[in-house]
C-alpha atoms as a PDB file:
ATOM      1  CA  MET A   1     -53.644  49.159  11.057  1.00  0.00           C
ATOM      2  CA  PRO A   2     -57.442  48.903  10.707  1.00  0.00           C
ATOM      3  CA  VAL A   3     -59.095  50.785   7.868  1.00  0.00           C
ATOM      4  CA  SER A   4     -61.841  53.193   8.883  1.00  0.00           C
ATOM      5  CA  PRO A   5     -65.284  53.004   7.242  1.00  0.00           C
ATOM      6  CA  GLN A   6     -64.683  56.440   5.719  1.00  0.00           C
ATOM      7  CA  GLU A   7     -61.536  55.125   3.998  1.00  0.00           C
ATOM      8  CA  HIS A   8     -63.536  52.222   2.569  1.00  0.00           C
ATOM      9  CA  LEU A   9     -66.062  54.736   1.220  1.00  0.00           C
ATOM     10  CA  ALA A  10     -63.368  56.897  -0.375  1.00  0.00           C
ATOM     11  CA  SER A  11     -61.625  53.861  -1.872  1.00  0.00           C
ATOM     12  CA  GLY A  12     -64.890  52.475  -3.263  1.00  0.00           C
ATOM     13  CA  LEU A  13     -65.901  55.794  -4.795  1.00  0.00           C
ATOM     14  CA  SER A  14     -62.445  56.253  -6.300  1.00  0.00           C
ATOM     15  CA  SER A  15     -62.589  52.781  -7.899  1.00  0.00           C
ATOM     16  CA  LEU A  16     -66.088  53.464  -9.199  1.00  0.00           C
ATOM     17  CA  ARG A  17     -64.916  56.722 -10.754  1.00  0.00           C
ATOM     18  CA  LYS A  18     -62.003  54.969 -12.476  1.00  0.00           C
ATOM     19  CA  ALA A  19     -64.347  52.235 -13.732  1.00  0.00           C
ATOM     20  CA  ALA A  20     -66.691  54.871 -15.161  1.00  0.00           C
ATOM     21  CA  THR A  21     -63.789  56.678 -16.860  1.00  0.00           C
ATOM     22  CA  LEU A  22     -62.555  53.464 -18.497  1.00  0.00           C
ATOM     23  CA  ASN A  23     -66.087  52.555 -19.585  1.00  0.00           C
ATOM     24  CA  ILE A  24     -66.447  56.000 -21.182  1.00  0.00           C
ATOM     25  CA  ALA A  25     -63.203  55.408 -23.080  1.00  0.00           C
ATOM     26  CA  SER A  26     -64.416  51.943 -24.108  1.00  0.00           C
ATOM     27  CA  GLN A  27     -67.667  53.375 -25.496  1.00  0.00           C
ATOM     28  CA  LEU A  28     -65.844  56.115 -27.431  1.00  0.00           C
ATOM     29  CA  VAL A  29     -63.437  53.601 -28.959  1.00  0.00           C
ATOM     30  CA  GLY A  30     -66.428  51.458 -29.918  1.00  0.00           C
ATOM     31  CA  PHE A  31     -68.021  54.432 -31.696  1.00  0.00           C
ATOM     32  CA  ALA A  32     -64.742  54.989 -33.562  1.00  0.00           C
ATOM     33  CA  ALA A  33     -64.800  51.338 -34.661  1.00  0.00           C
ATOM     34  CA  LEU A  34     -68.336  51.816 -35.989  1.00  0.00           C
ATOM     35  CA  ALA A  35     -67.168  54.831 -37.997  1.00  0.00           C
ATOM     36  CA  PHE A  36     -64.429  52.761 -39.647  1.00  0.00           C
ATOM     37  CA  VAL A  37     -66.978  50.031 -40.441  1.00  0.00           C
ATOM     38  CA  VAL A  38     -69.008  52.634 -42.353  1.00  0.00           C
ATOM     39  CA  ILE A  39     -65.852  53.784 -44.200  1.00  0.00           C
ATOM     40  CA  ALA A  40     -65.022  50.191 -45.172  1.00  0.00           C
ATOM     41  CA  LEU A  41     -68.557  49.549 -46.422  1.00  0.00           C
ATOM     42  CA  PHE A  42     -68.595  52.719 -48.534  1.00  0.00           C
ATOM     43  CA  SER A  43     -65.205  51.781 -50.055  1.00  0.00           C
ATOM     44  CA  LEU A  44     -66.437  48.293 -50.887  1.00  0.00           C
ATOM     45  CA  VAL A  45     -69.739  49.430 -52.398  1.00  0.00           C
ATOM     46  CA  ALA A  46     -68.028  52.135 -54.469  1.00  0.00           C
ATOM     47  CA  ALA A  47     -65.522  49.631 -55.858  1.00  0.00           C
ATOM     48  CA  LEU A  48     -68.196  47.070 -56.718  1.00  0.00           C
ATOM     49  CA  VAL A  49     -70.419  49.630 -58.427  1.00  0.00           C
ATOM     50  CA  ALA A  50     -67.563  51.060 -60.504  1.00  0.00           C
ATOM     51  CA  ALA A  51     -66.367  47.659 -61.780  1.00  0.00           C
ATOM     52  CA  PRO A  52     -68.174  44.915 -63.708  1.00  0.00           C
ATOM     53  CA  ALA A  53     -69.641  42.189 -61.534  1.00  0.00           C
ATOM     54  CA  ARG A  54     -68.208  38.679 -61.627  1.00  0.00           C
ATOM     55  CA  PRO A  55     -68.146  35.803 -59.118  1.00  0.00           C
ATOM     56  CA  ALA A  56     -64.710  36.525 -57.680  1.00  0.00           C
ATOM     57  CA  ARG A  57     -65.220  40.269 -57.620  1.00  0.00           C
ATOM     58  CA  LEU A  58     -66.343  40.443 -53.993  1.00  0.00           C
ATOM     59  CA  VAL A  59     -63.297  38.541 -52.732  1.00  0.00           C
ATOM     60  CA  GLU A  60     -60.969  40.699 -54.827  1.00  0.00           C
ATOM     61  CA  GLU A  61     -62.442  43.919 -53.486  1.00  0.00           C
ATOM     62  CA  LEU A  62     -62.334  42.671 -49.903  1.00  0.00           C
ATOM     63  CA  LEU A  63     -58.572  42.275 -50.318  1.00  0.00           C
ATOM     64  CA  ARG A  64     -58.080  45.826 -51.568  1.00  0.00           C
ATOM     65  CA  PRO A  65     -56.066  48.098 -49.204  1.00  0.00           C
ATOM     66  CA  GLY A  66     -58.914  50.613 -49.178  1.00  0.00           C
ATOM     67  CA  VAL A  67     -61.158  47.974 -47.591  1.00  0.00           C
ATOM     68  CA  LEU A  68     -58.624  45.915 -45.668  1.00  0.00           C
ATOM     69  CA  ALA A  69     -57.075  48.898 -43.869  1.00  0.00           C
ATOM     70  CA  PRO A  70     -60.357  50.145 -42.292  1.00  0.00           C
ATOM     71  CA  LEU A  71     -61.293  46.559 -41.387  1.00  0.00           C
ATOM     72  CA  ALA A  72     -57.928  46.083 -39.681  1.00  0.00           C
ATOM     73  CA  VAL A  73     -58.470  49.323 -37.763  1.00  0.00           C
ATOM     74  CA  VAL A  74     -61.928  48.087 -36.761  1.00  0.00           C
ATOM     75  CA  LEU A  75     -60.469  44.883 -35.311  1.00  0.00           C
ATOM     76  CA  VAL A  76     -57.831  46.811 -33.355  1.00  0.00           C
ATOM     77  CA  LEU A  77     -60.397  49.287 -32.026  1.00  0.00           C
ATOM     78  CA  LEU A  78     -62.826  46.524 -31.037  1.00  0.00           C
ATOM     79  CA  LEU A  79     -60.043  44.728 -29.198  1.00  0.00           C
ATOM     80  CA  ALA A  80     -59.049  47.962 -27.431  1.00  0.00           C
ATOM     81  CA  SER A  81     -62.683  48.634 -26.484  1.00  0.00           C
ATOM     82  CA  ALA A  82     -63.033  45.118 -25.055  1.00  0.00           C
ATOM     83  CA  VAL A  83     -59.805  45.417 -23.048  1.00  0.00           C
ATOM     84  CA  LEU A  84     -60.877  48.781 -21.609  1.00  0.00           C
ATOM     85  CA  GLY A  85     -64.264  47.353 -20.670  1.00  0.00           C
ATOM     86  CA  LEU A  86     -62.702  44.326 -18.965  1.00  0.00           C
ATOM     87  CA  LEU A  87     -60.275  46.527 -17.026  1.00  0.00           C
ATOM     88  CA  ALA A  88     -63.112  48.799 -15.942  1.00  0.00           C
ATOM     89  CA  THR A  89     -65.180  45.890 -14.680  1.00  0.00           C
ATOM     90  CA  PHE A  90     -62.658  43.588 -13.057  1.00  0.00           C
ATOM     91  CA  ALA A  91     -59.879  45.961 -11.992  1.00  0.00           C
ATOM     92  CA  PHE A  92     -62.089  48.711 -10.561  1.00  0.00           C
ATOM     93  CA  LEU A  93     -65.858  48.101 -10.566  1.00  0.00           C
ATOM     94  CA  VAL A  94     -65.952  44.727  -8.811  1.00  0.00           C
ATOM     95  CA  PRO A  95     -63.359  45.681  -6.142  1.00  0.00           C
ATOM     96  CA  GLY A  96     -64.947  49.120  -5.735  1.00  0.00           C
ATOM     97  CA  VAL A  97     -68.424  47.799  -4.906  1.00  0.00           C
ATOM     98  CA  GLY A  98     -66.753  45.287  -2.587  1.00  0.00           C
ATOM     99  CA  ARG A  99     -65.128  48.141  -0.663  1.00  0.00           C
ATOM    100  CA  LEU A 100     -68.470  49.923  -0.435  1.00  0.00           C
ATOM    101  CA  ALA A 101     -69.858  46.774   1.193  1.00  0.00           C
ATOM    102  CA  LYS A 102     -67.209  47.159   3.908  1.00  0.00           C
ATOM    103  CA  TRP A 103     -68.406  50.720   4.441  1.00  0.00           C
ATOM    104  CA  SER A 104     -72.107  49.882   4.669  1.00  0.00           C
ATOM    105  CA  GLY A 105     -73.989  46.598   4.948  1.00  0.00           C
ATOM    106  CA  ALA A 106     -76.517  47.945   2.429  1.00  0.00           C
ATOM    107  CA  PHE A 107     -73.998  47.157  -0.336  1.00  0.00           C
ATOM    108  CA  GLU A 108     -73.411  43.505   0.613  1.00  0.00           C
ATOM    109  CA  THR A 109     -76.025  42.104  -1.796  1.00  0.00           C
ATOM    110  CA  PRO A 110     -75.019  44.385  -4.726  1.00  0.00           C
ATOM    111  CA  ALA A 111     -71.354  43.461  -4.134  1.00  0.00           C
ATOM    112  CA  LYS A 112     -72.144  39.739  -4.294  1.00  0.00           C
ATOM    113  CA  LEU A 113     -74.247  40.146  -7.450  1.00  0.00           C
ATOM    114  CA  VAL A 114     -71.555  42.226  -9.161  1.00  0.00           C
ATOM    115  CA  LYS A 115     -68.748  39.857  -8.190  1.00  0.00           C
ATOM    116  CA  TRP A 116     -70.368  36.535  -9.008  1.00  0.00           C
ATOM    117  CA  GLY A 117     -72.350  37.823 -11.977  1.00  0.00           C
ATOM    118  CA  TYR A 118     -69.527  39.472 -13.896  1.00  0.00           C
ATOM    119  CA  TRP A 119     -66.888  36.846 -13.086  1.00  0.00           C
ATOM    120  CA  SER A 120     -69.272  34.054 -14.131  1.00  0.00           C
ATOM    121  CA  ALA A 121     -70.085  35.934 -17.348  1.00  0.00           C
ATOM    122  CA  LEU A 122     -66.381  36.240 -18.157  1.00  0.00           C
ATOM    123  CA  ILE A 123     -65.671  32.537 -17.560  1.00  0.00           C
ATOM    124  CA  LEU A 124     -68.758  31.324 -19.428  1.00  0.00           C
ATOM    125  CA  GLY A 125     -68.054  33.696 -22.323  1.00  0.00           C
ATOM    126  CA  ALA A 126     -64.509  32.364 -22.641  1.00  0.00           C
ATOM    127  CA  LEU A 127     -65.825  28.785 -22.598  1.00  0.00           C
ATOM    128  CA  ALA A 128     -68.346  29.688 -25.310  1.00  0.00           C
ATOM    129  CA  LEU A 129     -65.553  30.981 -27.550  1.00  0.00           C
ATOM    130  CA  LEU A 130     -63.513  27.845 -26.931  1.00  0.00           C
ATOM    131  CA  ALA A 131     -66.487  25.593 -27.701  1.00  0.00           C
ATOM    132  CA  GLY A 132     -67.190  27.409 -30.959  1.00  0.00           C
ATOM    133  CA  ALA A 133     -63.526  27.309 -31.979  1.00  0.00           C
ATOM    134  CA  ALA A 134     -63.272  23.599 -31.148  1.00  0.00           C
ATOM    135  CA  GLY A 135     -66.335  22.838 -33.270  1.00  0.00           C
ATOM    136  CA  PHE A 136     -65.103  24.607 -36.402  1.00  0.00           C
ATOM    137  CA  ALA A 137     -61.346  24.108 -36.066  1.00  0.00           C
ATOM    138  CA  PRO A 138     -61.235  20.706 -37.864  1.00  0.00           C
ATOM    139  CA  ILE A 139     -63.210  22.068 -40.813  1.00  0.00           C
ATOM    140  CA  ILE A 140     -60.937  25.092 -41.181  1.00  0.00           C
ATOM    141  CA  GLN A 141     -57.843  22.923 -40.873  1.00  0.00           C
ATOM    142  CA  ALA A 142     -59.085  20.470 -43.489  1.00  0.00           C
ATOM    143  CA  VAL A 143     -59.928  23.240 -45.934  1.00  0.00           C
ATOM    144  CA  MET A 144     -56.589  24.973 -45.407  1.00  0.00           C
ATOM    145  CA  GLU A 145     -54.489  21.814 -45.733  1.00  0.00           C
ATOM    146  CA  SER A 146     -56.556  20.090 -48.451  1.00  0.00           C
ATOM    147  CA  ALA A 147     -54.837  16.935 -47.293  1.00  0.00           C
ATOM    148  CA  ARG A 148     -57.864  14.714 -47.024  1.00  0.00           C
ATOM    149  CA  PRO A 149     -61.389  14.754 -48.381  1.00  0.00           C
ATOM    150  CA  LEU A 150     -64.010  16.402 -46.258  1.00  0.00           C
ATOM    151  CA  GLU A 151     -66.151  13.875 -44.457  1.00  0.00           C
ATOM    152  CA  SER A 152     -69.134  16.154 -44.542  1.00  0.00           C
ATOM    153  CA  ARG A 153     -71.292  14.226 -42.075  1.00  0.00           C
ATOM    154  CA  SER A 154     -68.743  13.973 -39.267  1.00  0.00           C
ATOM    155  CA  PHE A 155     -67.538  17.533 -39.776  1.00  0.00           C
ATOM    156  CA  ALA A 156     -71.105  18.842 -39.820  1.00  0.00           C
ATOM    157  CA  LEU A 157     -71.983  16.985 -36.627  1.00  0.00           C
ATOM    158  CA  GLN A 158     -68.915  18.343 -34.866  1.00  0.00           C
ATOM    159  CA  ALA A 159     -69.618  21.868 -36.071  1.00  0.00           C
ATOM    160  CA  VAL A 160     -73.266  21.697 -34.975  1.00  0.00           C
ATOM    161  CA  ALA A 161     -72.306  20.285 -31.578  1.00  0.00           C
ATOM    162  CA  GLY A 162     -69.727  23.016 -31.084  1.00  0.00           C
ATOM    163  CA  LEU A 163     -72.191  25.691 -32.185  1.00  0.00           C
ATOM    164  CA  LEU A 164     -74.919  24.441 -29.848  1.00  0.00           C
ATOM    165  CA  ALA A 165     -72.502  24.241 -26.917  1.00  0.00           C
ATOM    166  CA  ALA A 166     -71.259  27.749 -27.679  1.00  0.00           C
ATOM    167  CA  LEU A 167     -74.816  29.117 -27.866  1.00  0.00           C
ATOM    168  CA  ALA A 168     -75.782  27.447 -24.576  1.00  0.00           C
ATOM    169  CA  LEU A 169     -72.712  28.816 -22.810  1.00  0.00           C
ATOM    170  CA  ALA A 170     -73.265  32.260 -24.344  1.00  0.00           C
ATOM    171  CA  ALA A 171     -76.862  32.256 -23.069  1.00  0.00           C
ATOM    172  CA  LEU A 172     -75.642  31.387 -19.562  1.00  0.00           C
ATOM    173  CA  ALA A 173     -73.009  34.129 -19.840  1.00  0.00           C
ATOM    174  CA  GLY A 174     -75.762  36.590 -20.775  1.00  0.00           C
ATOM    175  CA  ILE A 175     -77.782  35.604 -17.703  1.00  0.00           C
ATOM    176  CA  ALA A 176     -74.705  35.984 -15.489  1.00  0.00           C
ATOM    177  CA  ASN A 177     -73.997  39.396 -17.025  1.00  0.00           C
ATOM    178  CA  LEU A 178     -77.573  40.435 -16.275  1.00  0.00           C
ATOM    179  CA  ILE A 179     -77.054  39.428 -12.626  1.00  0.00           C
ATOM    180  CA  GLY A 180     -73.876  41.505 -12.424  1.00  0.00           C
ATOM    181  CA  PHE A 181     -75.624  44.453 -14.077  1.00  0.00           C
ATOM    182  CA  ALA A 182     -78.474  44.208 -11.572  1.00  0.00           C
ATOM    183  CA  GLY A 183     -75.933  44.443  -8.762  1.00  0.00           C
ATOM    184  CA  LEU A 184     -74.368  47.523 -10.368  1.00  0.00           C
ATOM    185  CA  VAL A 185     -77.738  49.266 -10.682  1.00  0.00           C
ATOM    186  CA  MET A 186     -78.614  48.422  -7.074  1.00  0.00           C
ATOM    187  CA  ALA A 187     -75.275  49.859  -5.932  1.00  0.00           C
ATOM    188  CA  LEU A 188     -75.853  53.100  -7.864  1.00  0.00           C
ATOM    189  CA  PHE A 189     -79.341  53.573  -6.423  1.00  0.00           C
ATOM    190  CA  GLU A 190     -78.016  52.840  -2.935  1.00  0.00           C
ATOM    191  CA  LEU A 191     -75.176  55.332  -3.422  1.00  0.00           C
ATOM    192  CA  SER A 192     -77.719  57.968  -4.411  1.00  0.00           C
ATOM    193  CA  SER A 193     -79.633  57.272  -1.229  1.00  0.00           C
ATOM    194  CA  GLN A 194     -76.592  57.146   1.056  1.00  0.00           C
ATOM    195  CA  THR A 195     -74.615  60.097  -0.357  1.00  0.00           C
ATOM    196  CA  LYS A 196     -77.565  62.283  -1.451  1.00  0.00           C
ATOM    197  CA  VAL A 197     -75.920  62.723  -4.877  1.00  0.00           C
ATOM    198  CA  ASP A 198     -78.690  62.440  -7.488  1.00  0.00           C
ATOM    199  CA  GLY A 199     -76.221  61.776 -10.311  1.00  0.00           C
ATOM    200  CA  PHE A 200     -75.952  58.141  -9.224  1.00  0.00           C
ATOM    201  CA  LYS A 201     -79.696  57.673  -9.706  1.00  0.00           C
ATOM    202  CA  VAL A 202     -79.624  59.341 -13.127  1.00  0.00           C
ATOM    203  CA  ALA A 203     -76.682  57.128 -14.129  1.00  0.00           C
ATOM    204  CA  ALA A 204     -78.560  54.001 -13.050  1.00  0.00           C
ATOM    205  CA  ILE A 205     -81.655  54.952 -15.072  1.00  0.00           C
ATOM    206  CA  LEU A 206     -79.612  55.741 -18.194  1.00  0.00           C
ATOM    207  CA  LEU A 207     -77.662  52.474 -17.927  1.00  0.00           C
ATOM    208  CA  ILE A 208     -80.931  50.543 -17.595  1.00  0.00           C
ATOM    209  CA  LEU A 209     -82.304  52.256 -20.714  1.00  0.00           C
ATOM    210  CA  GLY A 210     -79.096  51.491 -22.621  1.00  0.00           C
ATOM    211  CA  PHE A 211     -79.186  47.862 -21.515  1.00  0.00           C
ATOM    212  CA  ALA A 212     -82.822  47.476 -22.590  1.00  0.00           C
ATOM    213  CA  LEU A 213     -82.223  49.128 -25.964  1.00  0.00           C
ATOM    214  CA  ASN A 214     -79.516  46.554 -26.713  1.00  0.00           C
ATOM    215  CA  PHE A 215     -82.261  43.921 -26.799  1.00  0.00           C
ATOM    216  CA  ALA A 216     -84.472  46.154 -28.954  1.00  0.00           C
ATOM    217  CA  ALA A 217     -81.602  46.369 -31.469  1.00  0.00           C
ATOM    218  CA  LEU A 218     -82.103  42.648 -32.196  1.00  0.00           C
ATOM    219  CA  LEU A 219     -85.513  43.372 -33.742  1.00  0.00           C
ATOM    220  CA  PRO A 220     -85.810  43.846 -37.538  1.00  0.00           C
ATOM    221  CA  TYR A 221     -85.250  47.404 -38.776  1.00  0.00           C
ATOM    222  CA  ALA A 222     -84.253  48.511 -35.269  1.00  0.00           C
ATOM    223  CA  TYR A 223     -80.591  49.195 -36.067  1.00  0.00           C
ATOM    224  CA  TRP A 224     -81.060  52.697 -34.621  1.00  0.00           C
ATOM    225  CA  ALA A 225     -81.671  51.144 -31.200  1.00  0.00           C
ATOM    226  CA  GLY A 226     -78.078  49.921 -30.990  1.00  0.00           C
ATOM    227  CA  MET A 227     -76.697  53.410 -31.569  1.00  0.00           C
ATOM    228  CA  LEU A 228     -79.146  54.888 -29.062  1.00  0.00           C
ATOM    229  CA  ALA A 229     -78.173  52.191 -26.546  1.00  0.00           C
ATOM    230  CA  GLY A 230     -74.509  53.124 -26.904  1.00  0.00           C
ATOM    231  CA  ALA A 231     -75.317  56.816 -26.427  1.00  0.00           C
ATOM    232  CA  MET A 232     -77.427  56.116 -23.336  1.00  0.00           C
ATOM    233  CA  THR A 233     -74.703  53.933 -21.837  1.00  0.00           C
ATOM    234  CA  LEU A 234     -72.022  56.539 -22.544  1.00  0.00           C
ATOM    235  CA  ILE A 235     -74.029  59.338 -20.919  1.00  0.00           C
ATOM    236  CA  GLY A 236     -74.877  57.068 -17.996  1.00  0.00           C
ATOM    237  CA  TRP A 237     -71.206  56.420 -17.269  1.00  0.00           C
ATOM    238  CA  ILE A 238     -70.471  60.144 -17.549  1.00  0.00           C
ATOM    239  CA  PHE A 239     -73.093  60.812 -14.868  1.00  0.00           C
ATOM    240  CA  ALA A 240     -71.662  58.000 -12.729  1.00  0.00           C
ATOM    241  CA  ARG A 241     -68.137  59.417 -13.000  1.00  0.00           C
ATOM    242  CA  ASP A 242     -69.251  62.939 -12.114  1.00  0.00           C
ATOM    243  CA  ALA A 243     -71.409  61.708  -9.233  1.00  0.00           C
ATOM    244  CA  ALA A 244     -68.520  59.673  -7.825  1.00  0.00           C
ATOM    245  CA  GLY A 245     -66.329  62.779  -8.001  1.00  0.00           C
ATOM    246  CA  LYS A 246     -68.901  64.850  -6.112  1.00  0.00           C
ATOM    247  CA  ALA A 247     -69.354  62.154  -3.473  1.00  0.00           C
ATOM    248  CA  LEU A 248     -65.575  61.861  -3.077  1.00  0.00           C
ATOM    249  CA  ALA A 249     -65.248  65.603  -2.572  1.00  0.00           C
ATOM    250  CA  ALA A 250     -68.030  65.558   0.007  1.00  0.00           C
ATOM    251  CA  ALA A 251     -66.447  62.598   1.832  1.00  0.00           C
ATOM    252  CA  ALA A 252     -63.060  64.355   1.945  1.00  0.00           C
ATOM    253  CA  ALA A 253     -64.482  67.663   3.156  1.00  0.00           C
ATOM    254  CA  PRO A 254     -64.023  68.371   6.850  1.00  0.00           C
ATOM    255  CA  PRO A 255     -67.186  68.120   8.951  1.00  0.00           C
ATOM    256  CA  PRO A 256     -68.989  71.410   9.565  1.00  0.00           C
ATOM    257  CA  PRO A 257     -68.269  73.101  12.875  1.00  0.00           C
ATOM    258  CA  PRO A 258     -70.837  72.535  15.587  1.00  0.00           C
ATOM    259  CA  PRO A 259     -73.460  75.277  15.955  1.00  0.00           C
ATOM    260  CA  PRO A 260     -72.770  77.870  18.619  1.00  0.00           C
ATOM    261  CA  SER A 261     -74.291  77.030  21.955  1.00  0.00           C
ATOM    262  CA  ALA A 262     -77.351  78.994  22.874  1.00  0.00           C
ATOM    263  CA  SER A 263     -76.760  81.695  25.441  1.00  0.00           C
ATOM    264  CA  THR A 264     -78.505  81.178  28.668  1.00  0.00           C
END
């Protein structure tokens, strides 16, 4: 049974709303991880200040439960945030924009950018992690086993080669992610134009600001930019979720009755 264009619109908007909801959850979990990082740092600094300094002191304090427990929570929260973000992108966002392309040809280019950009970023990012792990794995194994002397030159060359390969792949993954993000922004602006829901446009602007502030956070003494980027991104996804809900309600509403015919 053929699917009507209106069903494609409803399905695409529903997927977009779910993607926005998962991205909101991912951002909130990320903020929680940051809070536990602060707790761990305060615990570590307090322990180091209260005790006399010695070379092994830092390692000893890092192994204290008061520091290890928050760090373990941070790792779990970061993993949960990453999983939520991946689900939002690949389970709902990419298919959702694809369904919008079946509703209107105006979404064909954004759908292609989102699909190829985000999938390429995922594959290249995974390859970057593998390249980095392959470069440093022999060094870690040699140190852990202490079975043979470290051949510093060969190990250093392998580590540098792995690091360079990982950096190159990570840079390509960043470019691919930028392509996918451009497709997302185009889709949001087009949705604002097609559905007359201004929340999509506001969401697109806020997501652009958050994306740009992530680069500003790399500058010295601009640590505040990272927090502001997270806040902008969170608010942007909230607007996107609410706008998708409004557009869904409008799409499901019955058409208005025709105006009464003029009496002759």
